[in-house]
C-alpha atoms as a PDB file:
ATOM      1  CA  UNK A   1      90.352 117.178 134.140  1.00  0.00           C
ATOM      2  CA  UNK A   2      87.851 114.037 134.430  1.00  0.00           C
ATOM      3  CA  UNK A   3      89.311 111.279 136.339  1.00  0.00           C
ATOM      4  CA  UNK A   4      87.494 107.291 136.165  1.00  0.00           C
ATOM      5  CA  UNK A   5      87.298 105.285 138.430  1.00  0.00           C
ATOM      6  CA  UNK A   6      88.108 102.520 136.549  1.00  0.00           C
ATOM      7  CA  UNK A   7      90.899 102.666 133.510  1.00  0.00           C
ATOM      8  CA  UNK A   8      93.262 100.171 131.924  1.00  0.00           C
ATOM      9  CA  UNK A   9      96.641  99.260 133.302  1.00  0.00           C
ATOM     10  CA  UNK A  10      99.213 102.066 132.247  1.00  0.00           C
ATOM     11  CA  UNK A  11     102.451  99.463 133.207  1.00  0.00           C
ATOM     12  CA  UNK A  12     103.772  97.087 130.628  1.00  0.00           C
ATOM     13  CA  UNK A  13     102.250  93.971 131.624  1.00  0.00           C
ATOM     14  CA  UNK A  14     100.277  91.652 129.339  1.00  0.00           C
ATOM     15  CA  UNK A  15      98.207  88.755 130.623  1.00  0.00           C
ATOM     16  CA  UNK A  16      96.499  86.281 128.635  1.00  0.00           C
ATOM     17  CA  UNK A  17      93.652  87.591 125.813  1.00  0.00           C
ATOM     18  CA  UNK A  18      90.149  85.050 126.936  1.00  0.00           C
ATOM     19  CA  UNK A  19      89.505  85.562 122.866  1.00  0.00           C
ATOM     20  CA  UNK A  20      92.481  84.915 121.010  1.00  0.00           C
ATOM     21  CA  UNK A  21      94.609  83.113 123.569  1.00  0.00           C
ATOM     22  CA  UNK A  22      97.490  85.429 122.929  1.00  0.00           C
ATOM     23  CA  UNK A  23      99.135  87.596 125.376  1.00  0.00           C
ATOM     24  CA  UNK A  24      97.967  90.676 124.807  1.00  0.00           C
ATOM     25  CA  UNK A  25      95.334  91.337 127.289  1.00  0.00           C
ATOM     26  CA  UNK A  26      95.649  94.514 129.531  1.00  0.00           C
ATOM     27  CA  UNK A  27      93.784  94.337 131.574  1.00  0.00           C
ATOM     28  CA  UNK A  28      91.375  96.839 133.842  1.00  0.00           C
ATOM     29  CA  UNK A  29      92.450  99.074 137.361  1.00  0.00           C
ATOM     30  CA  UNK A  30      90.199  99.768 140.006  1.00  0.00           C
ATOM     31  CA  UNK A  31      91.814 103.401 141.343  1.00  0.00           C
ATOM     32  CA  UNK A  32      89.938 103.799 144.291  1.00  0.00           C
ATOM     33  CA  UNK A  33      91.282 100.651 145.078  1.00  0.00           C
ATOM     34  CA  UNK A  34      94.140 100.375 143.465  1.00  0.00           C
ATOM     35  CA  UNK A  35      93.989  96.580 142.602  1.00  0.00           C
ATOM     36  CA  UNK A  36      93.441  95.283 138.825  1.00  0.00           C
ATOM     37  CA  UNK A  37      90.458  93.399 137.500  1.00  0.00           C
ATOM     38  CA  UNK A  38      91.064  90.448 136.324  1.00  0.00           C
ATOM     39  CA  UNK A  39      88.421  89.708 133.781  1.00  0.00           C
ATOM     40  CA  UNK A  40      87.799  93.315 132.546  1.00  0.00           C
ATOM     41  CA  UNK A  41      90.211  94.656 129.499  1.00  0.00           C
ATOM     42  CA  UNK A  42      91.485  95.100 126.378  1.00  0.00           C
ATOM     43  CA  UNK A  43      92.989  92.848 123.657  1.00  0.00           C
ATOM     44  CA  UNK A  44      96.327  95.271 122.719  1.00  0.00           C
ATOM     45  CA  UNK A  45      95.750  93.096 118.796  1.00  0.00           C
ATOM     46  CA  UNK A  46      93.415  95.635 117.791  1.00  0.00           C
ATOM     47  CA  UNK A  47      93.596  94.305 114.466  1.00  0.00           C
ATOM     48  CA  UNK A  48      93.343  91.283 114.507  1.00  0.00           C
ATOM     49  CA  UNK A  49      90.957  90.390 117.871  1.00  0.00           C
ATOM     50  CA  UNK A  50      89.618  93.634 119.123  1.00  0.00           C
ATOM     51  CA  UNK A  51      88.192  91.689 122.269  1.00  0.00           C
ATOM     52  CA  UNK A  52      87.256  95.012 125.030  1.00  0.00           C
ATOM     53  CA  UNK A  53      85.678  94.257 128.619  1.00  0.00           C
ATOM     54  CA  UNK A  54      84.257  96.638 130.399  1.00  0.00           C
ATOM     55  CA  UNK A  55      84.010  96.449 134.095  1.00  0.00           C
ATOM     56  CA  UNK A  56      80.329  97.910 133.052  1.00  0.00           C
ATOM     57  CA  UNK A  57      79.405  95.723 130.644  1.00  0.00           C
ATOM     58  CA  UNK A  58      77.916  93.483 133.069  1.00  0.00           C
ATOM     59  CA  UNK A  59      77.150  95.801 135.841  1.00  0.00           C
ATOM     60  CA  UNK A  60      80.176  94.510 137.193  1.00  0.00           C
ATOM     61  CA  UNK A  61      79.130  91.366 138.461  1.00  0.00           C
ATOM     62  CA  UNK A  62      82.161  89.530 137.179  1.00  0.00           C
ATOM     63  CA  UNK A  63      84.554  91.624 138.878  1.00  0.00           C
ATOM     64  CA  UNK A  64      87.549  90.093 140.546  1.00  0.00           C
ATOM     65  CA  UNK A  65      89.633  92.474 142.212  1.00  0.00           C
ATOM     66  CA  UNK A  66      93.336  90.661 143.374  1.00  0.00           C
ATOM     67  CA  UNK A  67      96.700  91.822 143.282  1.00  0.00           C
ATOM     68  CA  UNK A  68      97.464  95.099 144.164  1.00  0.00           C
ATOM     69  CA  UNK A  69      99.078  97.046 141.191  1.00  0.00           C
ATOM     70  CA  UNK A  70     102.512  98.737 143.041  1.00  0.00           C
ATOM     71  CA  UNK A  71     103.174 101.203 140.258  1.00  0.00           C
ATOM     72  CA  UNK A  72      99.512 102.535 140.287  1.00  0.00           C
ATOM     73  CA  UNK A  73     100.290 105.439 142.543  1.00  0.00           C
ATOM     74  CA  UNK A  74     103.295 106.069 140.249  1.00  0.00           C
ATOM     75  CA  UNK A  75     101.101 106.539 137.268  1.00  0.00           C
ATOM     76  CA  UNK A  76     102.051 110.000 136.659  1.00  0.00           C
ATOM     77  CA  UNK A  77     106.062 109.768 137.737  1.00  0.00           C
ATOM     78  CA  UNK A  78     107.686 108.255 135.097  1.00  0.00           C
ATOM     79  CA  UNK A  79     111.312 106.276 135.290  1.00  0.00           C
ATOM     80  CA  UNK A  80     113.436 107.445 132.636  1.00  0.00           C
ATOM     81  CA  UNK A  81     116.458 105.424 131.262  1.00  0.00           C
ATOM     82  CA  UNK A  82     120.000 106.665 131.139  1.00  0.00           C
ATOM     83  CA  UNK A  83     121.394 108.455 128.708  1.00  0.00           C
ATOM     84  CA  UNK A  84     124.692 106.586 127.828  1.00  0.00           C
ATOM     85  CA  UNK A  85     122.241 103.232 127.945  1.00  0.00           C
ATOM     86  CA  UNK A  86     120.853 105.075 124.569  1.00  0.00           C
ATOM     87  CA  UNK A  87     124.283 105.980 123.520  1.00  0.00           C
ATOM     88  CA  UNK A  88     126.332 102.956 123.947  1.00  0.00           C
ATOM     89  CA  UNK A  89     122.984 100.814 122.170  1.00  0.00           C
ATOM     90  CA  UNK A  90     124.409 103.022 118.682  1.00  0.00           C
ATOM     91  CA  UNK A  91     127.292 101.773 119.075  1.00  0.00           C
ATOM     92  CA  UNK A  92     126.103  98.417 117.360  1.00  0.00           C
ATOM     93  CA  UNK A  93     124.086  97.529 113.827  1.00  0.00           C
ATOM     94  CA  UNK A  94     120.983  95.526 113.351  1.00  0.00           C
ATOM     95  CA  UNK A  95     118.810  94.463 110.556  1.00  0.00           C
ATOM     96  CA  UNK A  96     116.864  97.760 110.075  1.00  0.00           C
ATOM     97  CA  UNK A  97     119.623  99.885 109.931  1.00  0.00           C
ATOM     98  CA  UNK A  98     121.390  97.915 107.255  1.00  0.00           C
ATOM     99  CA  UNK A  99     117.976  98.198 105.728  1.00  0.00           C
ATOM    100  CA  UNK A 100     118.270 102.161 105.644  1.00  0.00           C
ATOM    101  CA  UNK A 101     121.620 101.698 103.998  1.00  0.00           C
ATOM    102  CA  UNK A 102     120.237  99.897 101.587  1.00  0.00           C
ATOM    103  CA  UNK A 103     117.090 102.462 100.841  1.00  0.00           C
ATOM    104  CA  UNK A 104     118.590 105.374 101.599  1.00  0.00           C
ATOM    105  CA  UNK A 105     122.531 105.175 101.032  1.00  0.00           C
ATOM    106  CA  UNK A 106     125.054 105.252 104.580  1.00  0.00           C
ATOM    107  CA  UNK A 107     125.266 109.107 104.917  1.00  0.00           C
ATOM    108  CA  UNK A 108     121.322 109.865 104.599  1.00  0.00           C
ATOM    109  CA  UNK A 109     120.824 106.721 106.947  1.00  0.00           C
ATOM    110  CA  UNK A 110     123.092 107.863 109.120  1.00  0.00           C
ATOM    111  CA  UNK A 111     121.288 110.660 110.034  1.00  0.00           C
ATOM    112  CA  UNK A 112     118.225 108.810 110.757  1.00  0.00           C
ATOM    113  CA  UNK A 113     120.312 106.806 113.248  1.00  0.00           C
ATOM    114  CA  UNK A 114     121.385 109.716 114.754  1.00  0.00           C
ATOM    115  CA  UNK A 115     118.630 112.224 114.565  1.00  0.00           C
ATOM    116  CA  UNK A 116     116.172 109.471 116.481  1.00  0.00           C
ATOM    117  CA  UNK A 117     118.127 107.620 118.342  1.00  0.00           C
ATOM    118  CA  UNK A 118     117.768 104.012 116.827  1.00  0.00           C
ATOM    119  CA  UNK A 119     120.144 101.960 118.505  1.00  0.00           C
ATOM    120  CA  UNK A 120     120.694  97.582 119.448  1.00  0.00           C
ATOM    121  CA  UNK A 121     120.199  95.394 121.444  1.00  0.00           C
ATOM    122  CA  UNK A 122     122.418  92.122 120.483  1.00  0.00           C
ATOM    123  CA  UNK A 123     121.301  90.145 123.812  1.00  0.00           C
ATOM    124  CA  UNK A 124     117.761  90.302 122.089  1.00  0.00           C
ATOM    125  CA  UNK A 125     119.200  89.327 118.543  1.00  0.00           C
ATOM    126  CA  UNK A 126     120.353  92.276 117.522  1.00  0.00           C
ATOM    127  CA  UNK A 127     117.111  93.700 117.539  1.00  0.00           C
ATOM    128  CA  UNK A 128     116.520  97.581 116.578  1.00  0.00           C
ATOM    129  CA  UNK A 129     115.677  99.845 120.021  1.00  0.00           C
ATOM    130  CA  UNK A 130     113.353 102.813 118.744  1.00  0.00           C
ATOM    131  CA  UNK A 131     114.507 105.130 121.980  1.00  0.00           C
ATOM    132  CA  UNK A 132     111.205 107.095 123.372  1.00  0.00           C
ATOM    133  CA  UNK A 133     112.831 110.710 124.286  1.00  0.00           C
ATOM    134  CA  UNK A 134     109.972 113.059 125.585  1.00  0.00           C
ATOM    135  CA  UNK A 135     109.945 116.948 124.619  1.00  0.00           C
ATOM    136  CA  UNK A 136     112.450 117.004 127.711  1.00  0.00           C
ATOM    137  CA  UNK A 137     114.976 114.918 125.673  1.00  0.00           C
ATOM    138  CA  UNK A 138     114.230 112.274 128.736  1.00  0.00           C
ATOM    139  CA  UNK A 139     115.077 108.921 127.521  1.00  0.00           C
ATOM    140  CA  UNK A 140     111.621 107.660 128.679  1.00  0.00           C
ATOM    141  CA  UNK A 141     111.130 104.333 126.426  1.00  0.00           C
ATOM    142  CA  UNK A 142     112.819 102.081 124.332  1.00  0.00           C
ATOM    143  CA  UNK A 143     110.639  99.636 122.168  1.00  0.00           C
ATOM    144  CA  UNK A 144     113.144  96.807 120.419  1.00  0.00           C
ATOM    145  CA  UNK A 145     111.918  95.220 117.593  1.00  0.00           C
ATOM    146  CA  UNK A 146     113.252  91.905 115.706  1.00  0.00           C
ATOM    147  CA  UNK A 147     113.874  92.961 112.031  1.00  0.00           C
ATOM    148  CA  UNK A 148     114.282  90.733 109.061  1.00  0.00           C
ATOM    149  CA  UNK A 149     117.246  91.739 106.167  1.00  0.00           C
ATOM    150  CA  UNK A 150     114.235  93.355 104.038  1.00  0.00           C
ATOM    151  CA  UNK A 151     113.157  95.844 106.395  1.00  0.00           C
ATOM    152  CA  UNK A 152     110.264  93.694 107.403  1.00  0.00           C
ATOM    153  CA  UNK A 153     109.686  93.005 111.035  1.00  0.00           C
ATOM    154  CA  UNK A 154     109.327  89.981 113.286  1.00  0.00           C
ATOM    155  CA  UNK A 155     106.690  89.481 115.421  1.00  0.00           C
ATOM    156  CA  UNK A 156     109.188  89.473 118.522  1.00  0.00           C
ATOM    157  CA  UNK A 157     108.994  92.612 120.591  1.00  0.00           C
ATOM    158  CA  UNK A 158     110.387  93.491 124.167  1.00  0.00           C
ATOM    159  CA  UNK A 159     110.794  96.697 125.760  1.00  0.00           C
ATOM    160  CA  UNK A 160     114.706  97.925 127.403  1.00  0.00           C
ATOM    161  CA  UNK A 161     113.101  97.909 130.960  1.00  0.00           C
ATOM    162  CA  UNK A 162     111.847  94.325 130.886  1.00  0.00           C
ATOM    163  CA  UNK A 163     115.436  93.543 129.681  1.00  0.00           C
ATOM    164  CA  UNK A 164     117.044  95.346 132.338  1.00  0.00           C
ATOM    165  CA  UNK A 165     115.043  93.848 134.576  1.00  0.00           C
ATOM    166  CA  UNK A 166     115.474  90.016 133.483  1.00  0.00           C
ATOM    167  CA  UNK A 167     119.141  91.432 133.926  1.00  0.00           C
ATOM    168  CA  UNK A 168     118.577  92.470 137.037  1.00  0.00           C
ATOM    169  CA  UNK A 169     120.146  95.543 136.344  1.00  0.00           C
ATOM    170  CA  UNK A 170     117.051  97.584 137.548  1.00  0.00           C
ATOM    171  CA  UNK A 171     114.166  96.529 139.857  1.00  0.00           C
ATOM    172  CA  UNK A 172     111.260  98.601 138.814  1.00  0.00           C
ATOM    173  CA  UNK A 173     110.626 100.874 135.962  1.00  0.00           C
ATOM    174  CA  UNK A 174     107.315 102.784 135.704  1.00  0.00           C
ATOM    175  CA  UNK A 175     106.805 103.096 131.657  1.00  0.00           C
ATOM    176  CA  UNK A 176     105.296 106.113 130.392  1.00  0.00           C
ATOM    177  CA  UNK A 177     105.138 106.338 126.520  1.00  0.00           C
ATOM    178  CA  UNK A 178     105.722 109.545 124.538  1.00  0.00           C
ATOM    179  CA  UNK A 179     105.941 110.347 120.304  1.00  0.00           C
ATOM    180  CA  UNK A 180     108.696 108.216 118.808  1.00  0.00           C
ATOM    181  CA  UNK A 181     110.137 111.562 117.957  1.00  0.00           C
ATOM    182  CA  UNK A 182     109.117 113.841 120.303  1.00  0.00           C
ATOM    183  CA  UNK A 183     112.505 115.475 121.358  1.00  0.00           C
ATOM    184  CA  UNK A 184     112.831 116.542 117.555  1.00  0.00           C
ATOM    185  CA  UNK A 185     109.967 119.393 118.364  1.00  0.00           C
ATOM    186  CA  UNK A 186     112.748 121.644 120.259  1.00  0.00           C
ATOM    187  CA  UNK A 187     114.851 121.707 117.676  1.00  0.00           C
ATOM    188  CA  UNK A 188     111.937 122.505 115.150  1.00  0.00           C
ATOM    189  CA  UNK A 189     108.991 124.988 115.782  1.00  0.00           C
ATOM    190  CA  UNK A 190     107.711 125.450 113.208  1.00  0.00           C
ATOM    191  CA  UNK A 191     107.314 122.731 110.653  1.00  0.00           C
ATOM    192  CA  UNK A 192     103.927 120.851 110.747  1.00  0.00           C
ATOM    193  CA  UNK A 193     104.059 117.575 112.147  1.00  0.00           C
ATOM    194  CA  UNK A 194     103.493 114.446 110.638  1.00  0.00           C
ATOM    195  CA  UNK A 195     102.453 111.257 112.348  1.00  0.00           C
ATOM    196  CA  UNK A 196     102.311 107.740 111.861  1.00  0.00           C
ATOM    197  CA  UNK A 197     101.394 104.916 113.532  1.00  0.00           C
ATOM    198  CA  UNK A 198     105.146 102.948 113.109  1.00  0.00           C
ATOM    199  CA  UNK A 199     108.981 104.286 113.679  1.00  0.00           C
ATOM    200  CA  UNK A 200     110.137 102.607 110.517  1.00  0.00           C
ATOM    201  CA  UNK A 201     107.217 104.744 108.494  1.00  0.00           C
ATOM    202  CA  UNK A 202     108.634 107.612 110.458  1.00  0.00           C
ATOM    203  CA  UNK A 203     111.558 107.606 109.747  1.00  0.00           C
ATOM    204  CA  UNK A 204     111.804 106.829 106.208  1.00  0.00           C
ATOM    205  CA  UNK A 205     109.084 109.678 105.905  1.00  0.00           C
ATOM    206  CA  UNK A 206     111.450 111.830 107.550  1.00  0.00           C
ATOM    207  CA  UNK A 207     113.748 111.442 104.311  1.00  0.00           C
ATOM    208  CA  UNK A 208     111.575 111.519 101.505  1.00  0.00           C
ATOM    209  CA  UNK A 209     109.377 114.277 102.932  1.00  0.00           C
ATOM    210  CA  UNK A 210     112.066 116.188 104.653  1.00  0.00           C
ATOM    211  CA  UNK A 211     109.580 119.516 105.133  1.00  0.00           C
ATOM    212  CA  UNK A 212     107.304 118.110 107.937  1.00  0.00           C
ATOM    213  CA  UNK A 213     108.516 116.566 111.033  1.00  0.00           C
ATOM    214  CA  UNK A 214     107.748 112.637 110.921  1.00  0.00           C
ATOM    215  CA  UNK A 215     106.784 111.242 114.554  1.00  0.00           C
ATOM    216  CA  UNK A 216     105.443 107.841 115.326  1.00  0.00           C
ATOM    217  CA  UNK A 217     102.904 107.158 117.949  1.00  0.00           C
ATOM    218  CA  UNK A 218     104.033 103.371 117.985  1.00  0.00           C
ATOM    219  CA  UNK A 219     100.535 101.984 117.188  1.00  0.00           C
ATOM    220  CA  UNK A 220      97.191 102.671 115.689  1.00  0.00           C
ATOM    221  CA  UNK A 221      95.970 102.560 119.089  1.00  0.00           C
ATOM    222  CA  UNK A 222      98.079 105.101 120.564  1.00  0.00           C
ATOM    223  CA  UNK A 223      96.433 107.754 118.631  1.00  0.00           C
ATOM    224  CA  UNK A 224      95.277 109.764 122.168  1.00  0.00           C
ATOM    225  CA  UNK A 225      95.364 112.782 123.830  1.00  0.00           C
ATOM    226  CA  UNK A 226      97.666 111.275 126.305  1.00  0.00           C
ATOM    227  CA  UNK A 227     100.584 111.176 124.031  1.00  0.00           C
ATOM    228  CA  UNK A 228      99.177 114.248 121.588  1.00  0.00           C
ATOM    229  CA  UNK A 229      99.240 116.681 124.269  1.00  0.00           C
ATOM    230  CA  UNK A 230     103.231 117.582 124.058  1.00  0.00           C
ATOM    231  CA  UNK A 231     102.148 118.771 120.271  1.00  0.00           C
ATOM    232  CA  UNK A 232      99.036 120.661 121.000  1.00  0.00           C
ATOM    233  CA  UNK A 233      99.351 123.987 120.023  1.00  0.00           C
ATOM    234  CA  UNK A 234     101.171 122.718 116.458  1.00  0.00           C
ATOM    235  CA  UNK A 235      99.620 121.643 112.688  1.00  0.00           C
ATOM    236  CA  UNK A 236      99.572 118.302 112.289  1.00  0.00           C
ATOM    237  CA  UNK A 237      98.518 116.025 109.765  1.00  0.00           C
ATOM    238  CA  UNK A 238      98.490 112.083 110.372  1.00  0.00           C
ATOM    239  CA  UNK A 239      98.632 109.527 108.395  1.00  0.00           C
ATOM    240  CA  UNK A 240      96.901 106.175 109.656  1.00  0.00           C
ATOM    241  CA  UNK A 241      97.956 102.759 107.627  1.00  0.00           C
ATOM    242  CA  UNK A 242      94.853 101.717 105.273  1.00  0.00           C
ATOM    243  CA  UNK A 243      94.878  97.736 106.947  1.00  0.00           C
ATOM    244  CA  UNK A 244      90.563  96.319 106.693  1.00  0.00           C
ATOM    245  CA  UNK A 245      89.831  95.867 110.593  1.00  0.00           C
ATOM    246  CA  UNK A 246      87.286  92.959 111.327  1.00  0.00           C
ATOM    247  CA  UNK A 247      84.374  95.440 110.573  1.00  0.00           C
ATOM    248  CA  UNK A 248      85.334  95.997 107.263  1.00  0.00           C
ATOM    249  CA  UNK A 249      86.258 100.263 108.178  1.00  0.00           C
ATOM    250  CA  UNK A 250      90.261 101.469 108.320  1.00  0.00           C
ATOM    251  CA  UNK A 251      92.322 103.329 110.842  1.00  0.00           C
ATOM    252  CA  UNK A 252      91.249 106.208 108.905  1.00  0.00           C
ATOM    253  CA  UNK A 253      87.986 106.148 110.285  1.00  0.00           C
ATOM    254  CA  UNK A 254      88.881 105.759 113.407  1.00  0.00           C
ATOM    255  CA  UNK A 255      91.480 108.723 113.695  1.00  0.00           C
ATOM    256  CA  UNK A 256      88.830 110.271 111.860  1.00  0.00           C
ATOM    257  CA  UNK A 257      86.554 110.313 114.523  1.00  0.00           C
ATOM    258  CA  UNK A 258      88.642 110.418 117.187  1.00  0.00           C
ATOM    259  CA  UNK A 259      90.642 113.769 115.802  1.00  0.00           C
ATOM    260  CA  UNK A 260      87.413 115.321 115.392  1.00  0.00           C
ATOM    261  CA  UNK A 261      86.999 114.706 119.417  1.00  0.00           C
ATOM    262  CA  UNK A 262      90.960 115.991 120.422  1.00  0.00           C
ATOM    263  CA  UNK A 263      90.070 119.371 117.612  1.00  0.00           C
ATOM    264  CA  UNK A 264      86.823 120.177 120.079  1.00  0.00           C
ATOM    265  CA  UNK A 265      89.124 120.227 123.117  1.00  0.00           C
ATOM    266  CA  UNK A 266      91.474 122.679 121.673  1.00  0.00           C
ATOM    267  CA  UNK A 267      94.051 120.473 118.827  1.00  0.00           C
ATOM    268  CA  UNK A 268      94.561 121.044 114.869  1.00  0.00           C
ATOM    269  CA  UNK A 269      94.441 118.065 113.544  1.00  0.00           C
ATOM    270  CA  UNK A 270      93.488 116.909 109.911  1.00  0.00           C
ATOM    271  CA  UNK A 271      93.248 112.675 108.613  1.00  0.00           C
ATOM    272  CA  UNK A 272      94.689 112.342 105.565  1.00  0.00           C
ATOM    273  CA  UNK A 273      92.913 110.633 103.085  1.00  0.00           C
ATOM    274  CA  UNK A 274      95.843 109.947 100.737  1.00  0.00           C
ATOM    275  CA  UNK A 275      96.101 106.375 101.493  1.00  0.00           C
ATOM    276  CA  UNK A 276      92.071 105.467 101.882  1.00  0.00           C
ATOM    277  CA  UNK A 277      91.497 107.069  98.316  1.00  0.00           C
ATOM    278  CA  UNK A 278      94.504 105.994  95.985  1.00  0.00           C
ATOM    279  CA  UNK A 279      95.963 102.185  97.620  1.00  0.00           C
ATOM    280  CA  UNK A 280      94.542  99.245  95.921  1.00  0.00           C
ATOM    281  CA  UNK A 281      91.840  96.609  96.830  1.00  0.00           C
ATOM    282  CA  UNK A 282      95.153  94.709  97.833  1.00  0.00           C
ATOM    283  CA  UNK A 283      97.321  97.048  99.319  1.00  0.00           C
ATOM    284  CA  UNK A 284      94.677  97.547 101.996  1.00  0.00           C
ATOM    285  CA  UNK A 285      94.441  93.694 102.648  1.00  0.00           C
ATOM    286  CA  UNK A 286      98.223  94.004 103.375  1.00  0.00           C
ATOM    287  CA  UNK A 287      97.834  96.657 105.533  1.00  0.00           C
ATOM    288  CA  UNK A 288     100.319  99.441 104.571  1.00  0.00           C
ATOM    289  CA  UNK A 289     101.584 102.817 105.273  1.00  0.00           C
ATOM    290  CA  UNK A 290     102.738 105.812 103.615  1.00  0.00           C
ATOM    291  CA  UNK A 291     105.960 104.911 103.354  1.00  0.00           C
ATOM    292  CA  UNK A 292     104.671 101.644 101.487  1.00  0.00           C
ATOM    293  CA  UNK A 293     102.721 103.509  99.633  1.00  0.00           C
ATOM    294  CA  UNK A 294     105.719 106.350  98.420  1.00  0.00           C
ATOM    295  CA  UNK A 295     107.927 103.327  97.886  1.00  0.00           C
ATOM    296  CA  UNK A 296     106.130 101.847  95.767  1.00  0.00           C
ATOM    297  CA  UNK A 297     104.774 104.695  93.700  1.00  0.00           C
ATOM    298  CA  UNK A 298     108.200 106.568  93.825  1.00  0.00           C
END
């Protein structure tokens, strides 16, 4: 495996982006010194900003190393949440679960919640907790998103470990994400894996097309080898959202290029062009996903 000296901070820390001004900037780390490089990084708002500044871009002239990154040496030692924390969170209700009941009916919505371990964080305005369990069913992360009653997400997102830190319940947490729904590959060893961007999409599509095993990478930028490694041996069909980017292309083109690289390394990934061909121009401007498309056309 190739080891690069400069890599993006694997923790959940974000800084102010020098381009858009949002707290969405991920800073590069010098792996030889374990220090952060304050002036170099990538904005996580890829479709809205896409600012990226690599240390090699200016010959390291603008390099300013500072705070030692405590978590860096523990990058490959992920922290885990306790299972009872997840189980307790599933006793509460939230807008996303209410939307699922409206959309799918009580029984189907209940099945989806149990299968994907969807919880609630009352202290975050009853935000929806999408728990990430790995292939060993260890709880790696809890992504918390607030939804409107309409099923549309708000801009408010946090992580369970961030909340627990604020509450002084834990002192540190080394976040190492996995695919949402990854734990299901243990129960279903034969179905084709359908990979989408959002957790919401995976939940809904698991009912519309149950013959596939629906997983989510969490964001378009999370379609990468590290997350996909546990399903390398499986047949994968990826369904990217079709939001038009600043460069005029959609995520389909980015994922297709990435799939070529991954397939050369032994993966078996096909990028679906369904939305690319079937979605209307206004739908692409809205950035619809595969669940939106089928709910509109059912």
